[in-house]
Each structure stands twice: as C-alpha cells, then as structure tokens.
Amino acid sequence: MPQQRFPKIEILSIAPHAISFILSETDTSMANSLRRIMIAEVPTLAIDLVEYSENSSVLNDEYIAHRLGLIPIRFVQEGSVKGGDCNLSFLPHRECVCYDRCLRCSVELELDVNFDKVNPTRPDQERDLFLTVTSKDLLSNNIYVSPAHFLNEEEQDRSHDEGISIVKLGPGQHLKFKAIARMGISKEHAKWCPVAVATYRFWPIITINEEACNMLTLEQKQELVDACPDRILELDEITGNLVAVENAYEMATFTEDLKMTQNAMKKRPEDDDFVTVEHSTDRFVFSVETTGAMDAEEVLMSALKVLKDKLTYLATEVEKLKD
C-alpha cells in the first residue's frame, strides 16, 4: 500500500499580485496538478460577448473585442478588498436557466466615448493629441465587478494612462458598445486565466563534504565559490570553510560548472565530490504572479478547492465501483 502523505504549504512571500511558497511532503504529481489547476481550472470573469452600437475608430470590431477579452475582470466580495473567487457568486453561462443572460450568469460593462464631446473638457496642452480609451471608461452594472486597471500601485505610478489601453480616438471618432462578462476557465479560453506566471522548482539539497574540503587550500575553495555562476557557496570568514549562502534555494539552478571544476581538483576520478547539489523529490518552491483578476492568495485557495473537489469526485466514483 502506498505511503500516506500529508502535504504542507509554507509561505515565503505574499503580495496582492504575487505569492511564493514551498509545497512539501508530496511528490511531483501533486505539485504539477496544483500548477496546472492554477493555470487552467480556476474560474474567473472575462468579457465574452461585445455588442457594438458605434465604432468609427481605426480598429475593426473583432480587433477591439479581442483586446477587451484580455482585460482582467476583478470580482471583489462585499466587505472585502481582495480580488476573490467568483465561483459561488456566478453560474457558468451554459448552466444558467435564463433565456439569454441575467445577473446570475453575466455582468454588463458599457462604454461610450466620443472624441468631439470629451476633447473640450481636456487640458489645453492635450487637445491636439489623440484620446486614449482605457479600461477606466468601462462602466459595470455590478458594484462588485470591475476591470483590473493596474496590477499594483507601482505599475499605476509608472503608467501614462488611467488604465489598460483599448484604442485611440481622433476627431470625429466615436466608440460605443456593451460588453458581456461571463465566468469561465482557462481550459476553454486563455482570457479566463487568472495567472501570468505559475511555476515551481525543485528544492536544492546542497551537501558539503567537510572531510574532503579539508584537503583543499583556501585558493581552491575560493575557486569552487567562483566556479558556480549562481553563487550558492561562500567562504566562512572565521573558519575558512565552504558554506551554502542563506538564500541558496532561490539561486541554485545551474551547477555543471561547479561539478567540472571539482572534478579537475580530484586526485582520482572515483573520489567523492567536495560539494553535491541534488534536487529534492518531495519539496517544491512555487512562484505565482496573477493577471490582476484575483489576488495571488485567492488563486491558490481556489486551486486547492478545485483539487479537493476533483479528489472527492474520484473517491466517490471508486467507491461506486466497489459496490
């Protein structure tokens, strides 16, 4: 019978748009399942249908609709400031009993920008410039749903626009439409993907052979430190011994140069290595960055719920087979 595992998660750093954590006491199958669920099966809102009333811009309807679909749509629950899981607040469009759309399965966002009407209200130095239509111009009929204009305050401070650019308008141009946002998952279309990055690395196990290293000179030890491009080793200032740097787990990726250097130092090829770097088979370092549709913490929690539901369903089906 396989050994029962009790996976653990240790948070290394957390921010609204990014999270780094360690998943331990499990194997690659579970780590990869969690990564793939965060990418493809966490439900979010995205613009799925656009109904145009007027479009005299330089971009055609389909081009603008494609850009609108890639704008992150953020759902914030009542009493919260986090971009959260919309799964309990909305139904998938195909599962709703309404004829076309309703507040239970969709959100309407309207945009109406006319260059000739807006331009007189702009500062004098900007009236000769094109008018940039952004996600700030999208008005939602749901107070808990709105476009995610910026990923964080730093990005907002650097931006020259008030939100995500959609199109530029010139004199005589007018853009008016109604966009319908629906809930979906990235397995159906990438516009529903809540993450921009979701990766994991194996935790490095760095072992220093103290007995073998005692046979090296200080210059040879320094050569080993310099040989590793990731700089995972350093010399202890007091003892002169080789030690792993404090944040070696973040940097240990390429160690072939280190291996080649210490092979050249060995008296015999069969001698033990001075330093070995191996990857752990039950400890993984995750890095997740969101698109802004959800907070990074909420993406992780939602992915764990989806994984739990899948395992519960599998267990139920197996029990049925036994009966």
C-alpha atoms as a PDB file:
ATOM      1  CA  MET A   1       0.000   0.000   0.000  1.00  0.00           C
ATOM      2  CA  PRO A   2       1.443   3.442  -0.898  1.00  0.00           C
ATOM      3  CA  GLN A   3       2.635   5.578   1.987  1.00  0.00           C
ATOM      4  CA  GLN A   4       0.066   8.168   3.032  1.00  0.00           C
ATOM      5  CA  ARG A   5       1.249  11.767   2.590  1.00  0.00           C
ATOM      6  CA  PHE A   6       0.267  14.943   4.405  1.00  0.00           C
ATOM      7  CA  PRO A   7       1.308  17.851   2.128  1.00  0.00           C
ATOM      8  CA  LYS A   8       2.240  21.152   3.758  1.00  0.00           C
ATOM      9  CA  ILE A   9       2.484  24.714   2.446  1.00  0.00           C
ATOM     10  CA  GLU A  10       4.921  27.288   3.810  1.00  0.00           C
ATOM     11  CA  ILE A  11       4.517  30.883   2.610  1.00  0.00           C
ATOM     12  CA  LEU A  12       7.809  32.570   1.696  1.00  0.00           C
ATOM     13  CA  SER A  13       6.415  35.910   0.480  1.00  0.00           C
ATOM     14  CA  ILE A  14       2.989  37.227  -0.333  1.00  0.00           C
ATOM     15  CA  ALA A  15       1.608  40.316  -2.078  1.00  0.00           C
ATOM     16  CA  PRO A  16      -1.735  41.031  -3.764  1.00  0.00           C
ATOM     17  CA  HIS A  17      -0.281  40.254  -7.213  1.00  0.00           C
ATOM     18  CA  ALA A  18       2.315  37.569  -6.344  1.00  0.00           C
ATOM     19  CA  ILE A  19       2.965  34.732  -3.932  1.00  0.00           C
ATOM     20  CA  SER A  20       5.924  32.440  -3.308  1.00  0.00           C
ATOM     21  CA  PHE A  21       5.528  29.306  -1.213  1.00  0.00           C
ATOM     22  CA  ILE A  22       7.025  25.880  -0.505  1.00  0.00           C
ATOM     23  CA  LEU A  23       4.955  22.746  -1.090  1.00  0.00           C
ATOM     24  CA  SER A  24       6.478  19.856   0.860  1.00  0.00           C
ATOM     25  CA  GLU A  25       5.873  16.238   1.864  1.00  0.00           C
ATOM     26  CA  THR A  26       4.366  15.349  -1.504  1.00  0.00           C
ATOM     27  CA  ASP A  27       5.576  14.376  -4.982  1.00  0.00           C
ATOM     28  CA  THR A  28       5.790  15.882  -8.461  1.00  0.00           C
ATOM     29  CA  SER A  29       2.356  14.577  -9.463  1.00  0.00           C
ATOM     30  CA  MET A  30       0.662  16.682  -6.795  1.00  0.00           C
ATOM     31  CA  ALA A  31       2.895  19.714  -7.444  1.00  0.00           C
ATOM     32  CA  ASN A  32       2.188  19.623 -11.169  1.00  0.00           C
ATOM     33  CA  SER A  33      -1.542  19.090 -10.590  1.00  0.00           C
ATOM     34  CA  LEU A  34      -1.691  22.212  -8.422  1.00  0.00           C
ATOM     35  CA  ARG A  35       0.269  24.223 -11.002  1.00  0.00           C
ATOM     36  CA  ARG A  36      -1.955  23.122 -13.891  1.00  0.00           C
ATOM     37  CA  ILE A  37      -5.148  23.855 -11.936  1.00  0.00           C
ATOM     38  CA  MET A  38      -3.965  27.387 -11.136  1.00  0.00           C
ATOM     39  CA  ILE A  39      -3.337  27.927 -14.846  1.00  0.00           C
ATOM     40  CA  ALA A  40      -6.337  26.209 -16.410  1.00  0.00           C
ATOM     41  CA  GLU A  41      -9.152  25.451 -13.959  1.00  0.00           C
ATOM     42  CA  VAL A  42      -9.594  28.362 -11.553  1.00  0.00           C
ATOM     43  CA  PRO A  43     -12.824  30.167 -12.617  1.00  0.00           C
ATOM     44  CA  THR A  44     -12.677  33.896 -13.339  1.00  0.00           C
ATOM     45  CA  LEU A  45     -14.714  36.519 -15.177  1.00  0.00           C
ATOM     46  CA  ALA A  46     -13.809  37.739 -18.669  1.00  0.00           C
ATOM     47  CA  ILE A  47     -15.560  39.628 -21.460  1.00  0.00           C
ATOM     48  CA  ASP A  48     -17.106  37.006 -23.735  1.00  0.00           C
ATOM     49  CA  LEU A  49     -19.511  38.990 -25.952  1.00  0.00           C
ATOM     50  CA  VAL A  50     -19.432  42.547 -27.337  1.00  0.00           C
ATOM     51  CA  GLU A  51     -22.437  44.302 -28.895  1.00  0.00           C
ATOM     52  CA  TYR A  52     -21.431  47.415 -30.869  1.00  0.00           C
ATOM     53  CA  SER A  53     -23.617  50.475 -31.363  1.00  0.00           C
ATOM     54  CA  GLU A  54     -20.929  52.678 -32.939  1.00  0.00           C
ATOM     55  CA  ASN A  55     -17.309  52.125 -33.914  1.00  0.00           C
ATOM     56  CA  SER A  56     -15.626  54.709 -36.128  1.00  0.00           C
ATOM     57  CA  SER A  57     -12.143  54.096 -34.679  1.00  0.00           C
ATOM     58  CA  VAL A  58      -9.208  52.820 -36.750  1.00  0.00           C
ATOM     59  CA  LEU A  59      -9.611  49.295 -35.303  1.00  0.00           C
ATOM     60  CA  ASN A  60     -12.330  46.938 -36.503  1.00  0.00           C
ATOM     61  CA  ASP A  61     -14.902  45.330 -34.205  1.00  0.00           C
ATOM     62  CA  GLU A  62     -13.161  41.953 -33.929  1.00  0.00           C
ATOM     63  CA  TYR A  63      -9.801  43.511 -33.033  1.00  0.00           C
ATOM     64  CA  ILE A  64     -11.293  45.577 -30.213  1.00  0.00           C
ATOM     65  CA  ALA A  65     -13.330  42.590 -28.960  1.00  0.00           C
ATOM     66  CA  HIS A  66     -10.132  40.549 -28.734  1.00  0.00           C
ATOM     67  CA  ARG A  67      -8.427  43.291 -26.707  1.00  0.00           C
ATOM     68  CA  LEU A  68     -11.444  43.547 -24.392  1.00  0.00           C
ATOM     69  CA  GLY A  69     -11.361  39.811 -23.740  1.00  0.00           C
ATOM     70  CA  LEU A  70      -7.823  40.099 -22.389  1.00  0.00           C
ATOM     71  CA  ILE A  71      -8.671  42.824 -19.838  1.00  0.00           C
ATOM     72  CA  PRO A  72      -8.705  41.180 -16.367  1.00  0.00           C
ATOM     73  CA  ILE A  73     -12.127  41.458 -14.728  1.00  0.00           C
ATOM     74  CA  ARG A  74     -11.956  41.626 -10.945  1.00  0.00           C
ATOM     75  CA  PHE A  75     -14.640  40.378  -8.555  1.00  0.00           C
ATOM     76  CA  VAL A  76     -14.482  41.770  -5.013  1.00  0.00           C
ATOM     77  CA  GLN A  77     -16.839  40.271  -2.460  1.00  0.00           C
ATOM     78  CA  GLU A  78     -18.903  42.516  -0.213  1.00  0.00           C
ATOM     79  CA  GLY A  79     -16.853  43.688   2.765  1.00  0.00           C
ATOM     80  CA  SER A  80     -13.548  42.701   1.168  1.00  0.00           C
ATOM     81  CA  VAL A  81     -10.833  44.445  -0.838  1.00  0.00           C
ATOM     82  CA  LYS A  82      -9.314  41.301  -2.337  1.00  0.00           C
ATOM     83  CA  GLY A  83      -9.947  40.066  -5.850  1.00  0.00           C
ATOM     84  CA  GLY A  84     -11.713  36.860  -4.915  1.00  0.00           C
ATOM     85  CA  ASP A  85     -13.220  33.633  -6.218  1.00  0.00           C
ATOM     86  CA  CYS A  86     -16.358  34.305  -8.278  1.00  0.00           C
ATOM     87  CA  ASN A  87     -17.421  30.646  -8.390  1.00  0.00           C
ATOM     88  CA  LEU A  88     -20.050  30.928  -5.640  1.00  0.00           C
ATOM     89  CA  SER A  89     -21.459  34.241  -6.893  1.00  0.00           C
ATOM     90  CA  PHE A  90     -21.934  33.388 -10.588  1.00  0.00           C
ATOM     91  CA  LEU A  91     -23.119  30.453 -12.653  1.00  0.00           C
ATOM     92  CA  PRO A  92     -21.468  29.251 -15.854  1.00  0.00           C
ATOM     93  CA  HIS A  93     -23.464  30.667 -18.783  1.00  0.00           C
ATOM     94  CA  ARG A  94     -24.336  27.202 -20.134  1.00  0.00           C
ATOM     95  CA  GLU A  95     -25.709  26.072 -16.754  1.00  0.00           C
ATOM     96  CA  CYS A  96     -27.951  29.100 -16.138  1.00  0.00           C
ATOM     97  CA  VAL A  97     -31.680  28.661 -16.801  1.00  0.00           C
ATOM     98  CA  CYS A  98     -32.129  32.191 -18.217  1.00  0.00           C
ATOM     99  CA  TYR A  99     -33.011  32.656 -21.896  1.00  0.00           C
ATOM    100  CA  ASP A 100     -30.079  34.889 -22.886  1.00  0.00           C
ATOM    101  CA  ARG A 101     -28.324  36.382 -19.866  1.00  0.00           C
ATOM    102  CA  CYS A 102     -29.085  37.538 -16.341  1.00  0.00           C
ATOM    103  CA  LEU A 103     -27.326  38.953 -13.289  1.00  0.00           C
ATOM    104  CA  ARG A 104     -26.665  35.416 -12.053  1.00  0.00           C
ATOM    105  CA  CYS A 105     -24.533  34.415 -15.033  1.00  0.00           C
ATOM    106  CA  SER A 106     -23.213  37.652 -16.538  1.00  0.00           C
ATOM    107  CA  VAL A 107     -22.119  41.227 -15.954  1.00  0.00           C
ATOM    108  CA  GLU A 108     -22.691  44.088 -18.386  1.00  0.00           C
ATOM    109  CA  LEU A 109     -19.991  46.696 -18.970  1.00  0.00           C
ATOM    110  CA  GLU A 110     -20.838  49.701 -21.123  1.00  0.00           C
ATOM    111  CA  LEU A 111     -18.513  52.130 -22.883  1.00  0.00           C
ATOM    112  CA  ASP A 112     -19.445  55.331 -24.696  1.00  0.00           C
ATOM    113  CA  VAL A 113     -16.599  57.685 -25.676  1.00  0.00           C
ATOM    114  CA  ASN A 114     -16.993  60.426 -28.290  1.00  0.00           C
ATOM    115  CA  PHE A 115     -13.820  62.373 -29.093  1.00  0.00           C
ATOM    116  CA  ASP A 116     -15.680  65.550 -30.049  1.00  0.00           C
ATOM    117  CA  LYS A 117     -17.582  65.574 -26.739  1.00  0.00           C
ATOM    118  CA  VAL A 118     -14.651  64.694 -24.494  1.00  0.00           C
ATOM    119  CA  ASN A 119     -11.964  66.848 -26.118  1.00  0.00           C
ATOM    120  CA  PRO A 120     -13.330  70.253 -24.950  1.00  0.00           C
ATOM    121  CA  THR A 121     -13.029  69.069 -21.328  1.00  0.00           C
ATOM    122  CA  ARG A 122      -9.345  68.113 -21.651  1.00  0.00           C
ATOM    123  CA  PRO A 123      -6.422  70.420 -20.674  1.00  0.00           C
ATOM    124  CA  ASP A 124      -5.352  72.827 -23.427  1.00  0.00           C
ATOM    125  CA  GLN A 125      -1.998  71.096 -23.957  1.00  0.00           C
ATOM    126  CA  GLU A 126      -3.729  67.744 -24.642  1.00  0.00           C
ATOM    127  CA  ARG A 127      -6.453  68.839 -27.077  1.00  0.00           C
ATOM    128  CA  ASP A 128      -4.246  68.299 -30.134  1.00  0.00           C
ATOM    129  CA  LEU A 129      -3.411  64.747 -29.048  1.00  0.00           C
ATOM    130  CA  PHE A 130      -5.323  61.529 -29.667  1.00  0.00           C
ATOM    131  CA  LEU A 131      -7.730  60.426 -26.935  1.00  0.00           C
ATOM    132  CA  THR A 132      -6.818  57.080 -25.367  1.00  0.00           C
ATOM    133  CA  VAL A 133      -9.809  54.924 -24.462  1.00  0.00           C
ATOM    134  CA  THR A 134      -8.912  52.726 -21.468  1.00  0.00           C
ATOM    135  CA  SER A 135     -10.473  50.195 -19.130  1.00  0.00           C
ATOM    136  CA  LYS A 136     -11.411  53.137 -16.858  1.00  0.00           C
ATOM    137  CA  ASP A 137     -14.107  54.025 -19.399  1.00  0.00           C
ATOM    138  CA  LEU A 138     -15.868  50.671 -18.881  1.00  0.00           C
ATOM    139  CA  LEU A 139     -18.873  51.073 -16.556  1.00  0.00           C
ATOM    140  CA  SER A 140     -20.167  47.933 -14.833  1.00  0.00           C
ATOM    141  CA  ASN A 141     -23.754  47.212 -13.799  1.00  0.00           C
ATOM    142  CA  ASN A 142     -22.450  45.184 -10.834  1.00  0.00           C
ATOM    143  CA  ILE A 143     -20.809  47.142  -7.989  1.00  0.00           C
ATOM    144  CA  TYR A 144     -18.656  44.132  -7.074  1.00  0.00           C
ATOM    145  CA  VAL A 145     -17.233  43.649 -10.587  1.00  0.00           C
ATOM    146  CA  SER A 146     -14.855  45.979 -12.428  1.00  0.00           C
ATOM    147  CA  PRO A 147     -11.813  45.827 -14.726  1.00  0.00           C
ATOM    148  CA  ALA A 148      -8.422  45.435 -13.037  1.00  0.00           C
ATOM    149  CA  HIS A 149      -6.841  48.621 -14.356  1.00  0.00           C
ATOM    150  CA  PHE A 150      -3.397  48.029 -12.830  1.00  0.00           C
ATOM    151  CA  LEU A 151      -1.576  45.129 -11.234  1.00  0.00           C
ATOM    152  CA  ASN A 152      -0.268  47.203  -8.320  1.00  0.00           C
ATOM    153  CA  GLU A 153       0.369  50.786  -7.217  1.00  0.00           C
ATOM    154  CA  GLU A 154       3.896  50.767  -8.667  1.00  0.00           C
ATOM    155  CA  GLU A 155       2.549  49.947 -12.126  1.00  0.00           C
ATOM    156  CA  GLN A 156      -0.112  52.640 -11.719  1.00  0.00           C
ATOM    157  CA  ASP A 157       2.519  55.258 -10.846  1.00  0.00           C
ATOM    158  CA  ARG A 158       4.584  54.361 -13.935  1.00  0.00           C
ATOM    159  CA  SER A 159       1.651  54.355 -16.344  1.00  0.00           C
ATOM    160  CA  HIS A 160       0.898  57.299 -18.623  1.00  0.00           C
ATOM    161  CA  ASP A 161      -2.748  56.200 -18.985  1.00  0.00           C
ATOM    162  CA  GLU A 162      -5.567  55.785 -16.479  1.00  0.00           C
ATOM    163  CA  GLY A 163      -5.998  52.085 -17.210  1.00  0.00           C
ATOM    164  CA  ILE A 164      -5.420  49.392 -19.823  1.00  0.00           C
ATOM    165  CA  SER A 165      -5.386  50.971 -23.293  1.00  0.00           C
ATOM    166  CA  ILE A 166      -8.101  49.769 -25.672  1.00  0.00           C
ATOM    167  CA  VAL A 167      -7.916  52.141 -28.668  1.00  0.00           C
ATOM    168  CA  LYS A 168      -7.034  55.737 -29.564  1.00  0.00           C
ATOM    169  CA  LEU A 169      -9.689  58.080 -30.956  1.00  0.00           C
ATOM    170  CA  GLY A 170      -9.234  61.165 -33.147  1.00  0.00           C
ATOM    171  CA  PRO A 171     -11.520  63.994 -34.264  1.00  0.00           C
ATOM    172  CA  GLY A 172     -14.940  62.784 -35.397  1.00  0.00           C
ATOM    173  CA  GLN A 173     -14.458  59.266 -33.987  1.00  0.00           C
ATOM    174  CA  HIS A 174     -16.872  57.578 -31.603  1.00  0.00           C
ATOM    175  CA  LEU A 175     -16.836  54.215 -29.812  1.00  0.00           C
ATOM    176  CA  LYS A 176     -19.909  52.812 -28.092  1.00  0.00           C
ATOM    177  CA  PHE A 177     -20.645  49.212 -27.120  1.00  0.00           C
ATOM    178  CA  LYS A 178     -21.978  46.872 -24.452  1.00  0.00           C
ATOM    179  CA  ALA A 179     -19.655  44.095 -23.271  1.00  0.00           C
ATOM    180  CA  ILE A 180     -20.890  40.952 -21.506  1.00  0.00           C
ATOM    181  CA  ALA A 181     -18.546  39.325 -18.984  1.00  0.00           C
ATOM    182  CA  ARG A 182     -19.104  35.688 -18.081  1.00  0.00           C
ATOM    183  CA  MET A 183     -17.466  33.132 -15.818  1.00  0.00           C
ATOM    184  CA  GLY A 184     -15.219  30.504 -17.351  1.00  0.00           C
ATOM    185  CA  ILE A 185     -11.912  28.664 -17.035  1.00  0.00           C
ATOM    186  CA  SER A 186      -8.688  28.913 -18.995  1.00  0.00           C
ATOM    187  CA  LYS A 187      -9.068  25.348 -20.255  1.00  0.00           C
ATOM    188  CA  GLU A 188     -11.783  26.775 -22.526  1.00  0.00           C
ATOM    189  CA  HIS A 189     -10.003  30.044 -23.445  1.00  0.00           C
ATOM    190  CA  ALA A 190      -6.824  31.784 -22.232  1.00  0.00           C
ATOM    191  CA  LYS A 191      -8.717  35.009 -21.423  1.00  0.00           C
ATOM    192  CA  TRP A 192     -10.047  33.320 -18.266  1.00  0.00           C
ATOM    193  CA  CYS A 193      -6.525  32.519 -16.987  1.00  0.00           C
ATOM    194  CA  PRO A 194      -6.009  34.145 -13.547  1.00  0.00           C
ATOM    195  CA  VAL A 195      -2.199  33.870 -13.581  1.00  0.00           C
ATOM    196  CA  ALA A 196       0.555  35.311 -15.735  1.00  0.00           C
ATOM    197  CA  VAL A 197       3.178  33.027 -14.151  1.00  0.00           C
ATOM    198  CA  ALA A 198       2.725  29.760 -12.251  1.00  0.00           C
ATOM    199  CA  THR A 199       5.920  27.748 -11.943  1.00  0.00           C
ATOM    200  CA  TYR A 200       7.706  25.530  -9.458  1.00  0.00           C
ATOM    201  CA  ARG A 201      11.299  24.451  -8.912  1.00  0.00           C
ATOM    202  CA  PHE A 202      12.729  21.513  -7.040  1.00  0.00           C
ATOM    203  CA  TRP A 203      14.189  22.415  -3.672  1.00  0.00           C
ATOM    204  CA  PRO A 204      18.003  22.059  -3.917  1.00  0.00           C
ATOM    205  CA  ILE A 205      19.806  19.823  -1.422  1.00  0.00           C
ATOM    206  CA  ILE A 206      23.345  21.183  -1.029  1.00  0.00           C
ATOM    207  CA  THR A 207      25.763  18.805   0.710  1.00  0.00           C
ATOM    208  CA  ILE A 208      29.309  19.886   1.559  1.00  0.00           C
ATOM    209  CA  ASN A 209      31.815  17.096   2.193  1.00  0.00           C
ATOM    210  CA  GLU A 210      33.761  18.625   5.092  1.00  0.00           C
ATOM    211  CA  GLU A 211      36.343  15.838   5.209  1.00  0.00           C
ATOM    212  CA  ALA A 212      37.196  16.201   1.513  1.00  0.00           C
ATOM    213  CA  CYS A 213      37.128  20.012   1.667  1.00  0.00           C
ATOM    214  CA  ASN A 214      39.728  19.989   4.465  1.00  0.00           C
ATOM    215  CA  MET A 215      42.225  18.697   1.907  1.00  0.00           C
ATOM    216  CA  LEU A 216      41.762  21.832  -0.235  1.00  0.00           C
ATOM    217  CA  THR A 217      43.715  25.043   0.017  1.00  0.00           C
ATOM    218  CA  LEU A 218      41.967  28.361   0.602  1.00  0.00           C
ATOM    219  CA  GLU A 219      42.607  29.266  -3.049  1.00  0.00           C
ATOM    220  CA  GLN A 220      40.973  26.048  -4.250  1.00  0.00           C
ATOM    221  CA  LYS A 221      37.944  26.668  -2.055  1.00  0.00           C
ATOM    222  CA  GLN A 222      37.628  30.168  -3.487  1.00  0.00           C
ATOM    223  CA  GLU A 223      37.866  28.658  -6.970  1.00  0.00           C
ATOM    224  CA  LEU A 224      34.859  26.452  -6.164  1.00  0.00           C
ATOM    225  CA  VAL A 225      32.946  29.522  -4.946  1.00  0.00           C
ATOM    226  CA  ASP A 226      33.754  31.402  -8.157  1.00  0.00           C
ATOM    227  CA  ALA A 227      33.044  28.414 -10.414  1.00  0.00           C
ATOM    228  CA  CYS A 228      29.312  28.374  -9.624  1.00  0.00           C
ATOM    229  CA  PRO A 229      27.518  31.100 -11.644  1.00  0.00           C
ATOM    230  CA  ASP A 230      24.589  31.021  -9.201  1.00  0.00           C
ATOM    231  CA  ARG A 231      26.870  31.918  -6.277  1.00  0.00           C
ATOM    232  CA  ILE A 232      25.352  29.341  -3.927  1.00  0.00           C
ATOM    233  CA  LEU A 233      28.615  28.947  -1.946  1.00  0.00           C
ATOM    234  CA  GLU A 234      30.728  31.275   0.145  1.00  0.00           C
ATOM    235  CA  LEU A 235      33.719  31.082   2.481  1.00  0.00           C
ATOM    236  CA  ASP A 236      33.134  31.444   6.198  1.00  0.00           C
ATOM    237  CA  GLU A 237      35.154  34.486   7.293  1.00  0.00           C
ATOM    238  CA  ILE A 238      36.124  32.888  10.623  1.00  0.00           C
ATOM    239  CA  THR A 239      36.766  29.219   9.849  1.00  0.00           C
ATOM    240  CA  GLY A 240      37.506  29.478   6.117  1.00  0.00           C
ATOM    241  CA  ASN A 241      35.143  26.561   5.440  1.00  0.00           C
ATOM    242  CA  LEU A 242      32.819  26.294   2.467  1.00  0.00           C
ATOM    243  CA  VAL A 243      29.175  27.007   3.389  1.00  0.00           C
ATOM    244  CA  ALA A 244      25.963  27.437   1.436  1.00  0.00           C
ATOM    245  CA  VAL A 245      24.637  31.004   1.234  1.00  0.00           C
ATOM    246  CA  GLU A 246      21.454  31.792   3.146  1.00  0.00           C
ATOM    247  CA  ASN A 247      19.186  32.067   0.088  1.00  0.00           C
ATOM    248  CA  ALA A 248      20.832  29.291  -1.947  1.00  0.00           C
ATOM    249  CA  TYR A 249      17.459  27.677  -2.646  1.00  0.00           C
ATOM    250  CA  GLU A 250      16.454  30.736  -4.703  1.00  0.00           C
ATOM    251  CA  MET A 251      19.545  30.665  -6.892  1.00  0.00           C
ATOM    252  CA  ALA A 252      20.607  27.029  -7.338  1.00  0.00           C
ATOM    253  CA  THR A 253      19.718  26.282 -10.945  1.00  0.00           C
ATOM    254  CA  PHE A 254      22.891  25.587 -12.945  1.00  0.00           C
ATOM    255  CA  THR A 255      25.701  23.658 -11.191  1.00  0.00           C
ATOM    256  CA  GLU A 256      27.518  21.962 -14.090  1.00  0.00           C
ATOM    257  CA  ASP A 257      30.436  24.423 -13.912  1.00  0.00           C
ATOM    258  CA  LEU A 258      30.846  23.608 -10.221  1.00  0.00           C
ATOM    259  CA  LYS A 259      30.905  19.891 -10.996  1.00  0.00           C
ATOM    260  CA  MET A 260      33.514  20.295 -13.767  1.00  0.00           C
ATOM    261  CA  THR A 261      35.770  22.420 -11.532  1.00  0.00           C
ATOM    262  CA  GLN A 262      35.769  19.993  -8.645  1.00  0.00           C
ATOM    263  CA  ASN A 263      36.353  17.036 -10.981  1.00  0.00           C
ATOM    264  CA  ALA A 264      39.527  18.783 -12.120  1.00  0.00           C
ATOM    265  CA  MET A 265      40.629  19.144  -8.479  1.00  0.00           C
ATOM    266  CA  LYS A 266      40.181  15.469  -7.600  1.00  0.00           C
ATOM    267  CA  LYS A 267      43.267  13.302  -7.358  1.00  0.00           C
ATOM    268  CA  ARG A 268      41.278  10.339  -8.674  1.00  0.00           C
ATOM    269  CA  PRO A 269      38.029  10.373 -10.678  1.00  0.00           C
ATOM    270  CA  GLU A 270      36.367   7.987  -8.216  1.00  0.00           C
ATOM    271  CA  ASP A 271      36.930  10.306  -5.220  1.00  0.00           C
ATOM    272  CA  ASP A 272      33.883  11.816  -3.548  1.00  0.00           C
ATOM    273  CA  ASP A 273      32.686  15.236  -4.663  1.00  0.00           C
ATOM    274  CA  PHE A 274      33.540  18.210  -2.468  1.00  0.00           C
ATOM    275  CA  VAL A 275      30.066  19.670  -2.985  1.00  0.00           C
ATOM    276  CA  THR A 276      26.954  17.920  -4.289  1.00  0.00           C
ATOM    277  CA  VAL A 277      23.757  19.654  -5.383  1.00  0.00           C
ATOM    278  CA  GLU A 278      20.712  17.413  -5.817  1.00  0.00           C
ATOM    279  CA  HIS A 279      17.036  18.218  -6.179  1.00  0.00           C
ATOM    280  CA  SER A 280      14.542  17.138  -3.555  1.00  0.00           C
ATOM    281  CA  THR A 281      11.766  14.806  -4.693  1.00  0.00           C
ATOM    282  CA  ASP A 282       9.242  15.960  -2.074  1.00  0.00           C
ATOM    283  CA  ARG A 283       9.827  19.710  -1.691  1.00  0.00           C
ATOM    284  CA  PHE A 284       8.995  22.361  -4.304  1.00  0.00           C
ATOM    285  CA  VAL A 285       9.308  26.152  -4.497  1.00  0.00           C
ATOM    286  CA  PHE A 286       6.327  27.789  -6.238  1.00  0.00           C
ATOM    287  CA  SER A 287       6.239  31.266  -7.783  1.00  0.00           C
ATOM    288  CA  VAL A 288       2.845  32.630  -8.834  1.00  0.00           C
ATOM    289  CA  GLU A 289       2.017  36.022 -10.366  1.00  0.00           C
ATOM    290  CA  THR A 290      -1.553  36.998 -11.210  1.00  0.00           C
ATOM    291  CA  THR A 291      -3.067  38.978 -14.069  1.00  0.00           C
ATOM    292  CA  GLY A 292      -4.928  41.184 -11.584  1.00  0.00           C
ATOM    293  CA  ALA A 293      -8.273  39.391 -11.869  1.00  0.00           C
ATOM    294  CA  MET A 294      -7.685  37.722  -8.482  1.00  0.00           C
ATOM    295  CA  ASP A 295      -5.295  38.195  -5.594  1.00  0.00           C
ATOM    296  CA  ALA A 296      -2.480  35.632  -5.572  1.00  0.00           C
ATOM    297  CA  GLU A 297      -3.640  34.201  -2.237  1.00  0.00           C
ATOM    298  CA  GLU A 298      -7.154  33.710  -3.618  1.00  0.00           C
ATOM    299  CA  VAL A 299      -5.807  31.944  -6.728  1.00  0.00           C
ATOM    300  CA  LEU A 300      -4.002  29.428  -4.521  1.00  0.00           C
ATOM    301  CA  MET A 301      -7.018  28.856  -2.263  1.00  0.00           C
ATOM    302  CA  SER A 302      -9.353  28.444  -5.244  1.00  0.00           C
ATOM    303  CA  ALA A 303      -6.947  25.978  -6.894  1.00  0.00           C
ATOM    304  CA  LEU A 304      -6.825  23.899  -3.705  1.00  0.00           C
ATOM    305  CA  LYS A 305     -10.650  23.830  -3.622  1.00  0.00           C
ATOM    306  CA  VAL A 306     -10.786  22.628  -7.238  1.00  0.00           C
ATOM    307  CA  LEU A 307      -8.181  19.943  -6.495  1.00  0.00           C
ATOM    308  CA  LYS A 308     -10.098  18.823  -3.408  1.00  0.00           C
ATOM    309  CA  ASP A 309     -13.354  18.584  -5.392  1.00  0.00           C
ATOM    310  CA  LYS A 310     -11.640  16.505  -8.065  1.00  0.00           C
ATOM    311  CA  LEU A 311     -10.188  14.088  -5.500  1.00  0.00           C
ATOM    312  CA  THR A 312     -13.553  13.840  -3.712  1.00  0.00           C
ATOM    313  CA  TYR A 313     -15.265  13.019  -7.011  1.00  0.00           C
ATOM    314  CA  LEU A 314     -12.625  10.391  -7.797  1.00  0.00           C
ATOM    315  CA  ALA A 315     -13.025   8.787  -4.366  1.00  0.00           C
ATOM    316  CA  THR A 316     -16.821   8.694  -4.824  1.00  0.00           C
ATOM    317  CA  GLU A 317     -16.545   7.013  -8.222  1.00  0.00           C
ATOM    318  CA  VAL A 318     -14.089   4.429  -6.859  1.00  0.00           C
ATOM    319  CA  GLU A 319     -16.485   3.592  -4.031  1.00  0.00           C
ATOM    320  CA  LYS A 320     -19.260   3.086  -6.579  1.00  0.00           C
ATOM    321  CA  LEU A 321     -17.091   0.587  -8.446  1.00  0.00           C
ATOM    322  CA  LYS A 322     -16.503  -1.354  -5.232  1.00  0.00           C
ATOM    323  CA  ASP A 323     -20.230  -1.641  -4.635  1.00  0.00           C
END
